[in-house]
Each structure stands twice: as C-alpha cells, then as structure tokens.
C-alpha cells in the first residue's frame, strides 16, 4: 500500500518537504513514526499529532488509510 504523508508547519521545515510517499503493508502507526524519526531525527524533539484520512488518531493503531498527516501543535485563539 502506498501512503502519502503530509507535513505541516515546523514539521515541513524540518523535513524540507510538504509531502512524500511511503510503502506499507498493514503497518502500525508506531512503526511508521519510528521510521520517520530515523529519516528525520530532528522530529524527535517536536510534539505532533497524527491524522489518518483527516481524523486524529493515536500511535497505537494501524495504517488503514492512504493519507497520513503530521500536525504541529496548534495555537488557540
């Protein structure tokens, strides 16, 4: 399965990308995050949320959608 990963805010600044594609076969979100940390070590110090198919999810789930987004902390207002 091809998964498109979108990066926003400071996460896009660290990765120097707005999006990229990963290949997965029913992987866990936590495994995906470890792969992202290996590729972009600077992300380890960033607190971010993960959305799958435009729904916020926890790192305990599986990759089931075709799109993931890494979202930086939001400022309220």
PDB file of N, CA and C in Angstrom:
ATOM      1  N   UNK A   1       0.843  -1.168   0.000  1.00  0.00           N
ATOM      2  CA  UNK A   1       0.000   0.000   0.000  1.00  0.00           C
ATOM      3  C   UNK A   1       0.890   1.235   0.000  1.00  0.00           C
ATOM      4  N   UNK A   2       0.534   2.180  -0.833  1.00  0.00           N
ATOM      5  CA  UNK A   2       1.232   3.462  -0.872  1.00  0.00           C
ATOM      6  C   UNK A   2       0.512   4.425   0.081  1.00  0.00           C
ATOM      7  N   UNK A   3       1.264   5.071   0.948  1.00  0.00           N
ATOM      8  CA  UNK A   3       0.699   6.022   1.898  1.00  0.00           C
ATOM      9  C   UNK A   3       1.339   7.376   1.653  1.00  0.00           C
ATOM     10  N   UNK A   4       0.517   8.380   1.391  1.00  0.00           N
ATOM     11  CA  UNK A   4       1.002   9.741   1.228  1.00  0.00           C
ATOM     12  C   UNK A   4       1.051  10.386   2.605  1.00  0.00           C
ATOM     13  N   UNK A   5       2.197  10.938   2.942  1.00  0.00           N
ATOM     14  CA  UNK A   5       2.374  11.594   4.239  1.00  0.00           C
ATOM     15  C   UNK A   5       2.550  13.081   3.988  1.00  0.00           C
ATOM     16  N   UNK A   6       1.706  13.877   4.653  1.00  0.00           N
ATOM     17  CA  UNK A   6       1.765  15.330   4.513  1.00  0.00           C
ATOM     18  C   UNK A   6       2.356  15.927   5.779  1.00  0.00           C
ATOM     19  N   UNK A   7       3.214  16.928   5.594  1.00  0.00           N
ATOM     20  CA  UNK A   7       3.880  17.608   6.697  1.00  0.00           C
ATOM     21  C   UNK A   7       3.433  19.059   6.736  1.00  0.00           C
ATOM     22  N   UNK A   8       3.229  19.585   7.949  1.00  0.00           N
ATOM     23  CA  UNK A   8       2.769  20.959   8.103  1.00  0.00           C
ATOM     24  C   UNK A   8       3.648  21.717   9.095  1.00  0.00           C
ATOM     25  N   UNK A   9       3.671  23.040   8.953  1.00  0.00           N
ATOM     26  CA  UNK A   9       4.365  23.921   9.897  1.00  0.00           C
ATOM     27  C   UNK A   9       5.824  23.566  10.088  1.00  0.00           C
ATOM     28  N   UNK A  10       6.254  23.533  11.366  1.00  0.00           N
ATOM     29  CA  UNK A  10       7.660  23.268  11.663  1.00  0.00           C
ATOM     30  C   UNK A  10       8.078  21.865  11.244  1.00  0.00           C
ATOM     31  N   UNK A  11       7.142  20.954  11.116  1.00  0.00           N
ATOM     32  CA  UNK A  11       7.477  19.607  10.649  1.00  0.00           C
ATOM     33  C   UNK A  11       7.920  19.671   9.189  1.00  0.00           C
ATOM     34  N   UNK A  12       7.229  20.439   8.371  1.00  0.00           N
ATOM     35  CA  UNK A  12       7.631  20.632   6.972  1.00  0.00           C
ATOM     36  C   UNK A  12       8.981  21.322   6.891  1.00  0.00           C
ATOM     37  N   UNK A  13       9.249  22.241   7.825  1.00  0.00           N
ATOM     38  CA  UNK A  13      10.551  22.910   7.838  1.00  0.00           C
ATOM     39  C   UNK A  13      11.670  21.918   8.138  1.00  0.00           C
ATOM     40  N   UNK A  14      11.442  21.003   9.072  1.00  0.00           N
ATOM     41  CA  UNK A  14      12.465  20.020   9.441  1.00  0.00           C
ATOM     42  C   UNK A  14      12.694  19.023   8.314  1.00  0.00           C
ATOM     43  N   UNK A  15      11.608  18.533   7.712  1.00  0.00           N
ATOM     44  CA  UNK A  15      11.745  17.532   6.649  1.00  0.00           C
ATOM     45  C   UNK A  15      12.128  18.140   5.308  1.00  0.00           C
ATOM     46  N   UNK A  16      11.928  19.459   5.171  1.00  0.00           N
ATOM     47  CA  UNK A  16      12.152  20.160   3.907  1.00  0.00           C
ATOM     48  C   UNK A  16      11.236  19.627   2.810  1.00  0.00           C
ATOM     49  N   UNK A  17      10.067  19.103   3.222  1.00  0.00           N
ATOM     50  CA  UNK A  17       9.087  18.581   2.271  1.00  0.00           C
ATOM     51  C   UNK A  17       7.686  18.907   2.781  1.00  0.00           C
ATOM     52  N   UNK A  18       6.769  19.027   1.855  1.00  0.00           N
ATOM     53  CA  UNK A  18       5.364  19.194   2.233  1.00  0.00           C
ATOM     54  C   UNK A  18       4.651  17.847   2.227  1.00  0.00           C
ATOM     55  N   UNK A  19       5.162  16.910   1.430  1.00  0.00           N
ATOM     56  CA  UNK A  19       4.603  15.561   1.434  1.00  0.00           C
ATOM     57  C   UNK A  19       5.568  14.594   0.761  1.00  0.00           C
ATOM     58  N   UNK A  20       5.377  13.312   1.066  1.00  0.00           N
ATOM     59  CA  UNK A  20       6.133  12.251   0.417  1.00  0.00           C
ATOM     60  C   UNK A  20       5.338  10.957   0.524  1.00  0.00           C
ATOM     61  N   UNK A  21       5.774   9.935  -0.194  1.00  0.00           N
ATOM     62  CA  UNK A  21       5.055   8.670  -0.229  1.00  0.00           C
ATOM     63  C   UNK A  21       5.901   7.579   0.406  1.00  0.00           C
ATOM     64  N   UNK A  22       5.258   6.765   1.240  1.00  0.00           N
ATOM     65  CA  UNK A  22       5.882   5.602   1.863  1.00  0.00           C
ATOM     66  C   UNK A  22       5.137   4.354   1.398  1.00  0.00           C
ATOM     67  N   UNK A  23       5.827   3.225   1.338  1.00  0.00           N
ATOM     68  CA  UNK A  23       5.187   1.944   1.022  1.00  0.00           C
ATOM     69  C   UNK A  23       5.002   1.163   2.307  1.00  0.00           C
ATOM     70  N   UNK A  24       3.769   0.663   2.527  1.00  0.00           N
ATOM     71  CA  UNK A  24       3.457  -0.080   3.745  1.00  0.00           C
ATOM     72  C   UNK A  24       2.507  -1.214   3.453  1.00  0.00           C
ATOM     73  N   UNK A  25       2.602  -2.247   4.269  1.00  0.00           N
ATOM     74  CA  UNK A  25       1.627  -3.333   4.205  1.00  0.00           C
ATOM     75  C   UNK A  25       1.104  -3.566   5.622  1.00  0.00           C
ATOM     76  N   UNK A  26      -0.004  -2.958   5.926  1.00  0.00           N
ATOM     77  CA  UNK A  26      -0.659  -3.094   7.234  1.00  0.00           C
ATOM     78  C   UNK A  26       0.277  -2.871   8.413  1.00  0.00           C
ATOM     79  N   UNK A  27       1.055  -1.819   8.356  1.00  0.00           N
ATOM     80  CA  UNK A  27       1.956  -1.499   9.457  1.00  0.00           C
ATOM     81  C   UNK A  27       1.241  -0.767  10.573  1.00  0.00           C
ATOM     82  N   UNK A  28       1.906  -0.691  11.703  1.00  0.00           N
ATOM     83  CA  UNK A  28       1.389   0.053  12.837  1.00  0.00           C
ATOM     84  C   UNK A  28       1.839   1.503  12.738  1.00  0.00           C
ATOM     85  N   UNK A  29       1.037   2.398  13.258  1.00  0.00           N
ATOM     86  CA  UNK A  29       1.392   3.816  13.274  1.00  0.00           C
ATOM     87  C   UNK A  29       2.702   4.005  14.035  1.00  0.00           C
ATOM     88  N   UNK A  30       2.876   3.298  15.142  1.00  0.00           N
ATOM     89  CA  UNK A  30       4.102   3.434  15.940  1.00  0.00           C
ATOM     90  C   UNK A  30       5.338   3.034  15.139  1.00  0.00           C
ATOM     91  N   UNK A  31       5.231   2.012  14.295  1.00  0.00           N
ATOM     92  CA  UNK A  31       6.356   1.601  13.441  1.00  0.00           C
ATOM     93  C   UNK A  31       6.657   2.679  12.401  1.00  0.00           C
ATOM     94  N   UNK A  32       5.604   3.257  11.856  1.00  0.00           N
ATOM     95  CA  UNK A  32       5.766   4.337  10.894  1.00  0.00           C
ATOM     96  C   UNK A  32       6.502   5.514  11.536  1.00  0.00           C
ATOM     97  N   UNK A  33       6.090   5.886  12.755  1.00  0.00           N
ATOM     98  CA  UNK A  33       6.715   7.014  13.451  1.00  0.00           C
ATOM     99  C   UNK A  33       8.198   6.734  13.681  1.00  0.00           C
ATOM    100  N   UNK A  34       8.550   5.524  14.044  1.00  0.00           N
ATOM    101  CA  UNK A  34       9.972   5.188  14.230  1.00  0.00           C
ATOM    102  C   UNK A  34      10.747   5.347  12.925  1.00  0.00           C
ATOM    103  N   UNK A  35      10.134   4.959  11.817  1.00  0.00           N
ATOM    104  CA  UNK A  35      10.793   5.121  10.511  1.00  0.00           C
ATOM    105  C   UNK A  35      10.982   6.604  10.184  1.00  0.00           C
ATOM    106  N   UNK A  36       9.971   7.408  10.494  1.00  0.00           N
ATOM    107  CA  UNK A  36      10.076   8.850  10.255  1.00  0.00           C
ATOM    108  C   UNK A  36      11.182   9.442  11.133  1.00  0.00           C
ATOM    109  N   UNK A  37      11.256   9.024  12.407  1.00  0.00           N
ATOM    110  CA  UNK A  37      12.306   9.516  13.304  1.00  0.00           C
ATOM    111  C   UNK A  37      13.696   9.147  12.798  1.00  0.00           C
ATOM    112  N   UNK A  38      13.842   7.941  12.232  1.00  0.00           N
ATOM    113  CA  UNK A  38      15.142   7.539  11.680  1.00  0.00           C
ATOM    114  C   UNK A  38      15.513   8.413  10.488  1.00  0.00           C
ATOM    115  N   UNK A  39      14.529   8.717   9.651  1.00  0.00           N
ATOM    116  CA  UNK A  39      14.779   9.523   8.461  1.00  0.00           C
ATOM    117  C   UNK A  39      14.993  10.994   8.805  1.00  0.00           C
ATOM    118  N   UNK A  40      14.243  11.486   9.818  1.00  0.00           N
ATOM    119  CA  UNK A  40      14.300  12.895  10.223  1.00  0.00           C
ATOM    120  C   UNK A  40      14.497  12.973  11.749  1.00  0.00           C
ATOM    121  N   UNK A  41      15.722  12.780  12.234  1.00  0.00           N
ATOM    122  CA  UNK A  41      15.969  12.776  13.682  1.00  0.00           C
ATOM    123  C   UNK A  41      15.516  14.055  14.388  1.00  0.00           C
ATOM    124  N   UNK A  42      15.485  15.174  13.691  1.00  0.00           N
ATOM    125  CA  UNK A  42      15.059  16.432  14.287  1.00  0.00           C
ATOM    126  C   UNK A  42      13.614  16.412  14.759  1.00  0.00           C
ATOM    127  N   UNK A  43      12.822  15.486  14.245  1.00  0.00           N
ATOM    128  CA  UNK A  43      11.411  15.400  14.655  1.00  0.00           C
ATOM    129  C   UNK A  43      11.235  14.828  16.062  1.00  0.00           C
ATOM    130  N   UNK A  44      12.256  14.163  16.582  1.00  0.00           N
ATOM    131  CA  UNK A  44      12.140  13.585  17.930  1.00  0.00           C
ATOM    132  C   UNK A  44      11.849  14.645  18.987  1.00  0.00           C
ATOM    133  N   UNK A  45      12.268  15.866  18.740  1.00  0.00           N
ATOM    134  CA  UNK A  45      12.068  16.931  19.729  1.00  0.00           C
ATOM    135  C   UNK A  45      10.779  17.724  19.486  1.00  0.00           C
ATOM    136  N   UNK A  46       9.998  17.310  18.492  1.00  0.00           N
ATOM    137  CA  UNK A  46       8.766  18.031  18.155  1.00  0.00           C
ATOM    138  C   UNK A  46       7.558  17.224  18.620  1.00  0.00           C
ATOM    139  N   UNK A  47       6.655  17.887  19.321  1.00  0.00           N
ATOM    140  CA  UNK A  47       5.412  17.256  19.737  1.00  0.00           C
ATOM    141  C   UNK A  47       4.408  17.449  18.608  1.00  0.00           C
ATOM    142  N   UNK A  48       3.894  16.364  18.048  1.00  0.00           N
ATOM    143  CA  UNK A  48       2.948  16.495  16.948  1.00  0.00           C
ATOM    144  C   UNK A  48       1.830  15.470  17.060  1.00  0.00           C
ATOM    145  N   UNK A  49       0.729  15.750  16.375  1.00  0.00           N
ATOM    146  CA  UNK A  49      -0.416  14.844  16.281  1.00  0.00           C
ATOM    147  C   UNK A  49      -0.381  14.179  14.918  1.00  0.00           C
ATOM    148  N   UNK A  50      -1.063  13.045  14.815  1.00  0.00           N
ATOM    149  CA  UNK A  50      -1.132  12.318  13.553  1.00  0.00           C
ATOM    150  C   UNK A  50      -2.591  12.204  13.141  1.00  0.00           C
ATOM    151  N   UNK A  51      -2.845  12.493  11.884  1.00  0.00           N
ATOM    152  CA  UNK A  51      -4.186  12.313  11.331  1.00  0.00           C
ATOM    153  C   UNK A  51      -4.105  11.275  10.224  1.00  0.00           C
ATOM    154  N   UNK A  52      -5.107  10.421  10.191  1.00  0.00           N
ATOM    155  CA  UNK A  52      -5.208   9.420   9.134  1.00  0.00           C
ATOM    156  C   UNK A  52      -6.545   9.638   8.431  1.00  0.00           C
ATOM    157  N   UNK A  53      -6.482   9.872   7.141  1.00  0.00           N
ATOM    158  CA  UNK A  53      -7.693  10.165   6.367  1.00  0.00           C
ATOM    159  C   UNK A  53      -8.514  11.265   7.044  1.00  0.00           C
ATOM    160  N   UNK A  54      -7.831  12.314   7.487  1.00  0.00           N
ATOM    161  CA  UNK A  54      -8.385  13.532   8.080  1.00  0.00           C
ATOM    162  C   UNK A  54      -9.041  13.323   9.445  1.00  0.00           C
ATOM    163  N   UNK A  55      -8.653  12.262  10.176  1.00  0.00           N
ATOM    164  CA  UNK A  55      -9.126  12.014  11.533  1.00  0.00           C
ATOM    165  C   UNK A  55      -7.914  11.870  12.448  1.00  0.00           C
ATOM    166  N   UNK A  56      -7.902  12.590  13.584  1.00  0.00           N
ATOM    167  CA  UNK A  56      -6.798  12.442  14.524  1.00  0.00           C
ATOM    168  C   UNK A  56      -6.814  11.022  15.098  1.00  0.00           C
ATOM    169  N   UNK A  57      -5.624  10.425  15.215  1.00  0.00           N
ATOM    170  CA  UNK A  57      -5.515   9.058  15.710  1.00  0.00           C
ATOM    171  C   UNK A  57      -4.384   8.964  16.721  1.00  0.00           C
ATOM    172  N   UNK A  58      -4.322   7.835  17.426  1.00  0.00           N
ATOM    173  CA  UNK A  58      -3.222   7.593  18.359  1.00  0.00           C
ATOM    174  C   UNK A  58      -2.163   6.745  17.661  1.00  0.00           C
ATOM    175  N   UNK A  59      -1.023   6.624  18.290  1.00  0.00           N
ATOM    176  CA  UNK A  59       0.064   5.825  17.711  1.00  0.00           C
ATOM    177  C   UNK A  59      -0.158   4.334  17.916  1.00  0.00           C
ATOM    178  N   UNK A  60      -1.225   3.955  18.597  1.00  0.00           N
ATOM    179  CA  UNK A  60      -1.499   2.546  18.884  1.00  0.00           C
ATOM    180  C   UNK A  60      -2.175   1.819  17.721  1.00  0.00           C
ATOM    181  N   UNK A  61      -2.718   2.566  16.758  1.00  0.00           N
ATOM    182  CA  UNK A  61      -3.498   1.956  15.679  1.00  0.00           C
ATOM    183  C   UNK A  61      -2.665   1.471  14.514  1.00  0.00           C
ATOM    184  N   UNK A  62      -3.377   0.996  13.500  1.00  0.00           N
ATOM    185  CA  UNK A  62      -2.757   0.513  12.268  1.00  0.00           C
ATOM    186  C   UNK A  62      -2.945   1.545  11.164  1.00  0.00           C
ATOM    187  N   UNK A  63      -2.079   1.467  10.183  1.00  0.00           N
ATOM    188  CA  UNK A  63      -2.225   2.297   9.000  1.00  0.00           C
ATOM    189  C   UNK A  63      -3.303   1.644   8.138  1.00  0.00           C
ATOM    190  N   UNK A  64      -4.404   2.358   7.973  1.00  0.00           N
ATOM    191  CA  UNK A  64      -5.514   1.815   7.191  1.00  0.00           C
ATOM    192  C   UNK A  64      -5.881   2.723   6.032  1.00  0.00           C
ATOM    193  N   UNK A  65      -5.418   3.947   6.060  1.00  0.00           N
ATOM    194  CA  UNK A  65      -5.771   4.898   5.014  1.00  0.00           C
ATOM    195  C   UNK A  65      -4.642   5.111   4.038  1.00  0.00           C
ATOM    196  N   UNK A  66      -4.921   5.906   3.040  1.00  0.00           N
ATOM    197  CA  UNK A  66      -3.932   6.218   2.022  1.00  0.00           C
ATOM    198  C   UNK A  66      -3.245   7.538   2.293  1.00  0.00           C
ATOM    199  N   UNK A  67      -3.663   8.219   3.381  1.00  0.00           N
ATOM    200  CA  UNK A  67      -3.066   9.511   3.685  1.00  0.00           C
ATOM    201  C   UNK A  67      -2.868   9.666   5.191  1.00  0.00           C
ATOM    202  N   UNK A  68      -1.662  10.082   5.552  1.00  0.00           N
ATOM    203  CA  UNK A  68      -1.342  10.442   6.927  1.00  0.00           C
ATOM    204  C   UNK A  68      -0.861  11.882   6.925  1.00  0.00           C
ATOM    205  N   UNK A  69      -1.110  12.576   8.016  1.00  0.00           N
ATOM    206  CA  UNK A  69      -0.615  13.952   8.153  1.00  0.00           C
ATOM    207  C   UNK A  69       0.025  14.099   9.520  1.00  0.00           C
ATOM    208  N   UNK A  70       1.183  14.741   9.560  1.00  0.00           N
ATOM    209  CA  UNK A  70       1.848  15.067  10.817  1.00  0.00           C
ATOM    210  C   UNK A  70       1.593  16.533  11.093  1.00  0.00           C
ATOM    211  N   UNK A  71       0.895  16.783  12.184  1.00  0.00           N
ATOM    212  CA  UNK A  71       0.418  18.123  12.501  1.00  0.00           C
ATOM    213  C   UNK A  71       1.136  18.689  13.719  1.00  0.00           C
ATOM    214  N   UNK A  72       1.716  19.879  13.598  1.00  0.00           N
ATOM    215  CA  UNK A  72       2.392  20.500  14.733  1.00  0.00           C
ATOM    216  C   UNK A  72       1.375  20.983  15.763  1.00  0.00           C
ATOM    217  N   UNK A  73       1.831  21.375  16.948  1.00  0.00           N
ATOM    218  CA  UNK A  73       0.899  21.898  17.952  1.00  0.00           C
ATOM    219  C   UNK A  73       0.137  23.103  17.398  1.00  0.00           C
ATOM    220  N   UNK A  74      -1.114  23.191  17.796  1.00  0.00           N
ATOM    221  CA  UNK A  74      -1.960  24.284  17.344  1.00  0.00           C
ATOM    222  C   UNK A  74      -2.007  25.377  18.406  1.00  0.00           C
ATOM    223  N   UNK A  75      -2.098  26.603  17.967  1.00  0.00           N
ATOM    224  CA  UNK A  75      -2.279  27.733  18.885  1.00  0.00           C
ATOM    225  C   UNK A  75      -3.770  28.084  18.872  1.00  0.00           C
ATOM    226  N   UNK A  76      -4.342  28.217  20.037  1.00  0.00           N
ATOM    227  CA  UNK A  76      -5.769  28.539  20.119  1.00  0.00           C
ATOM    228  C   UNK A  76      -5.996  30.039  19.964  1.00  0.00           C
ATOM    229  N   UNK A  77      -7.225  30.385  19.717  1.00  0.00           N
ATOM    230  CA  UNK A  77      -7.483  31.811  19.614  1.00  0.00           C
ATOM    231  C   UNK A  77      -8.853  32.123  19.140  1.00  0.00           C
TER     232      UNK A  77
END
